[in-house]
């Protein structure tokens, strides 16, 4: 029983740490592409990710689909009209 509890605790800790590391990676991807959530409102980010022309313009078409989806989620979460906007220089 005690071994099982230790195993579950380790899995939970690894899960939490990997989520934080992945979130950091997405922020780095956004920074590398010179994209900041506060550059656009939520509707504008939706438009960017739904248009092939915009995907090519921002080089988002080169990203794997899962990374692109996480990046979209991250940018919308920090869009100019969100509760937590992120803009360069702050």
C-alpha atoms as a PDB file:
ATOM      1  CA  UNK A   1       0.000   0.000   0.000  1.00  0.00           C
ATOM      2  CA  UNK A   2       2.785   2.400   0.937  1.00  0.00           C
ATOM      3  CA  UNK A   3       4.657   1.668  -2.310  1.00  0.00           C
ATOM      4  CA  UNK A   4       1.524   2.387  -4.333  1.00  0.00           C
ATOM      5  CA  UNK A   5       1.082   5.733  -2.572  1.00  0.00           C
ATOM      6  CA  UNK A   6       4.690   6.697  -3.325  1.00  0.00           C
ATOM      7  CA  UNK A   7       4.204   5.686  -6.961  1.00  0.00           C
ATOM      8  CA  UNK A   8       1.052   7.789  -7.292  1.00  0.00           C
ATOM      9  CA  UNK A   9       2.757  10.751  -5.623  1.00  0.00           C
ATOM     10  CA  UNK A  10       5.685  10.533  -8.051  1.00  0.00           C
ATOM     11  CA  UNK A  11       3.337  10.370 -11.043  1.00  0.00           C
ATOM     12  CA  UNK A  12       1.427  13.423  -9.842  1.00  0.00           C
ATOM     13  CA  UNK A  13       4.655  15.370  -9.265  1.00  0.00           C
ATOM     14  CA  UNK A  14       6.004  14.496 -12.711  1.00  0.00           C
ATOM     15  CA  UNK A  15       2.698  15.456 -14.271  1.00  0.00           C
ATOM     16  CA  UNK A  16       2.694  18.873 -12.602  1.00  0.00           C
ATOM     17  CA  UNK A  17       6.308  19.548 -13.526  1.00  0.00           C
ATOM     18  CA  UNK A  18       5.844  18.499 -17.148  1.00  0.00           C
ATOM     19  CA  UNK A  19       2.836  20.813 -17.509  1.00  0.00           C
ATOM     20  CA  UNK A  20       4.898  23.732 -16.233  1.00  0.00           C
ATOM     21  CA  UNK A  21       7.788  22.875 -18.543  1.00  0.00           C
ATOM     22  CA  UNK A  22       5.483  22.585 -21.543  1.00  0.00           C
ATOM     23  CA  UNK A  23       3.875  25.918 -20.706  1.00  0.00           C
ATOM     24  CA  UNK A  24       7.332  27.458 -20.620  1.00  0.00           C
ATOM     25  CA  UNK A  25       8.155  25.875 -23.970  1.00  0.00           C
ATOM     26  CA  UNK A  26       5.049  27.413 -25.548  1.00  0.00           C
ATOM     27  CA  UNK A  27       6.061  30.835 -24.238  1.00  0.00           C
ATOM     28  CA  UNK A  28       9.493  30.314 -25.789  1.00  0.00           C
ATOM     29  CA  UNK A  29       7.956  29.267 -29.105  1.00  0.00           C
ATOM     30  CA  UNK A  30       5.809  32.404 -29.097  1.00  0.00           C
ATOM     31  CA  UNK A  31       8.822  34.554 -28.271  1.00  0.00           C
ATOM     32  CA  UNK A  32      10.913  32.924 -31.018  1.00  0.00           C
ATOM     33  CA  UNK A  33       8.165  33.688 -33.536  1.00  0.00           C
ATOM     34  CA  UNK A  34       7.857  37.253 -32.176  1.00  0.00           C
ATOM     35  CA  UNK A  35       4.235  36.661 -31.156  1.00  0.00           C
ATOM     36  CA  UNK A  36       2.796  38.146 -27.997  1.00  0.00           C
ATOM     37  CA  UNK A  37      -0.784  37.680 -26.880  1.00  0.00           C
ATOM     38  CA  UNK A  38      -1.305  41.390 -26.324  1.00  0.00           C
ATOM     39  CA  UNK A  39      -0.597  42.156 -29.988  1.00  0.00           C
ATOM     40  CA  UNK A  40      -4.121  41.127 -30.959  1.00  0.00           C
ATOM     41  CA  UNK A  41      -7.578  40.639 -29.499  1.00  0.00           C
ATOM     42  CA  UNK A  42      -9.065  37.160 -29.117  1.00  0.00           C
ATOM     43  CA  UNK A  43     -11.065  37.416 -32.359  1.00  0.00           C
ATOM     44  CA  UNK A  44      -7.948  38.421 -34.266  1.00  0.00           C
ATOM     45  CA  UNK A  45      -5.970  35.443 -32.939  1.00  0.00           C
ATOM     46  CA  UNK A  46      -8.859  33.166 -33.941  1.00  0.00           C
ATOM     47  CA  UNK A  47      -8.665  34.628 -37.450  1.00  0.00           C
ATOM     48  CA  UNK A  48      -4.883  34.124 -37.626  1.00  0.00           C
ATOM     49  CA  UNK A  49      -5.144  30.448 -36.731  1.00  0.00           C
ATOM     50  CA  UNK A  50      -8.073  29.766 -39.068  1.00  0.00           C
ATOM     51  CA  UNK A  51      -6.502  31.247 -42.210  1.00  0.00           C
ATOM     52  CA  UNK A  52      -3.869  29.406 -44.248  1.00  0.00           C
ATOM     53  CA  UNK A  53      -2.540  32.736 -45.493  1.00  0.00           C
ATOM     54  CA  UNK A  54      -2.007  33.990 -41.932  1.00  0.00           C
ATOM     55  CA  UNK A  55      -0.512  30.676 -40.852  1.00  0.00           C
ATOM     56  CA  UNK A  56       2.091  31.007 -43.605  1.00  0.00           C
ATOM     57  CA  UNK A  57       2.691  34.695 -42.843  1.00  0.00           C
ATOM     58  CA  UNK A  58       3.528  33.989 -39.207  1.00  0.00           C
ATOM     59  CA  UNK A  59       5.292  30.679 -40.082  1.00  0.00           C
ATOM     60  CA  UNK A  60       2.782  28.788 -37.938  1.00  0.00           C
ATOM     61  CA  UNK A  61       2.186  26.235 -40.691  1.00  0.00           C
ATOM     62  CA  UNK A  62       5.668  24.848 -39.973  1.00  0.00           C
ATOM     63  CA  UNK A  63       4.713  23.896 -36.406  1.00  0.00           C
ATOM     64  CA  UNK A  64       3.260  20.508 -35.479  1.00  0.00           C
ATOM     65  CA  UNK A  65      -0.515  20.651 -35.050  1.00  0.00           C
ATOM     66  CA  UNK A  66      -0.366  19.982 -31.288  1.00  0.00           C
ATOM     67  CA  UNK A  67       2.156  22.795 -30.765  1.00  0.00           C
ATOM     68  CA  UNK A  68       0.105  25.121 -32.949  1.00  0.00           C
ATOM     69  CA  UNK A  69      -3.018  24.384 -30.891  1.00  0.00           C
ATOM     70  CA  UNK A  70      -1.188  25.000 -27.609  1.00  0.00           C
ATOM     71  CA  UNK A  71       0.262  28.227 -29.003  1.00  0.00           C
ATOM     72  CA  UNK A  72      -3.201  29.377 -30.074  1.00  0.00           C
ATOM     73  CA  UNK A  73      -4.543  28.614 -26.600  1.00  0.00           C
ATOM     74  CA  UNK A  74      -1.624  30.487 -25.003  1.00  0.00           C
ATOM     75  CA  UNK A  75      -1.984  33.563 -27.232  1.00  0.00           C
ATOM     76  CA  UNK A  76      -5.745  33.752 -26.739  1.00  0.00           C
ATOM     77  CA  UNK A  77      -5.335  33.370 -22.986  1.00  0.00           C
ATOM     78  CA  UNK A  78      -3.001  36.387 -23.031  1.00  0.00           C
ATOM     79  CA  UNK A  79      -4.746  38.386 -25.794  1.00  0.00           C
ATOM     80  CA  UNK A  80      -5.146  42.155 -25.526  1.00  0.00           C
ATOM     81  CA  UNK A  81      -8.776  41.811 -24.441  1.00  0.00           C
ATOM     82  CA  UNK A  82      -8.127  39.035 -21.896  1.00  0.00           C
ATOM     83  CA  UNK A  83      -7.776  39.255 -18.128  1.00  0.00           C
ATOM     84  CA  UNK A  84      -4.034  38.533 -18.381  1.00  0.00           C
ATOM     85  CA  UNK A  85      -2.636  40.271 -21.478  1.00  0.00           C
ATOM     86  CA  UNK A  86       1.040  39.802 -22.263  1.00  0.00           C
ATOM     87  CA  UNK A  87       2.826  42.507 -24.227  1.00  0.00           C
ATOM     88  CA  UNK A  88       6.522  42.792 -25.040  1.00  0.00           C
ATOM     89  CA  UNK A  89       8.596  44.832 -22.634  1.00  0.00           C
ATOM     90  CA  UNK A  90       6.473  44.245 -19.524  1.00  0.00           C
END
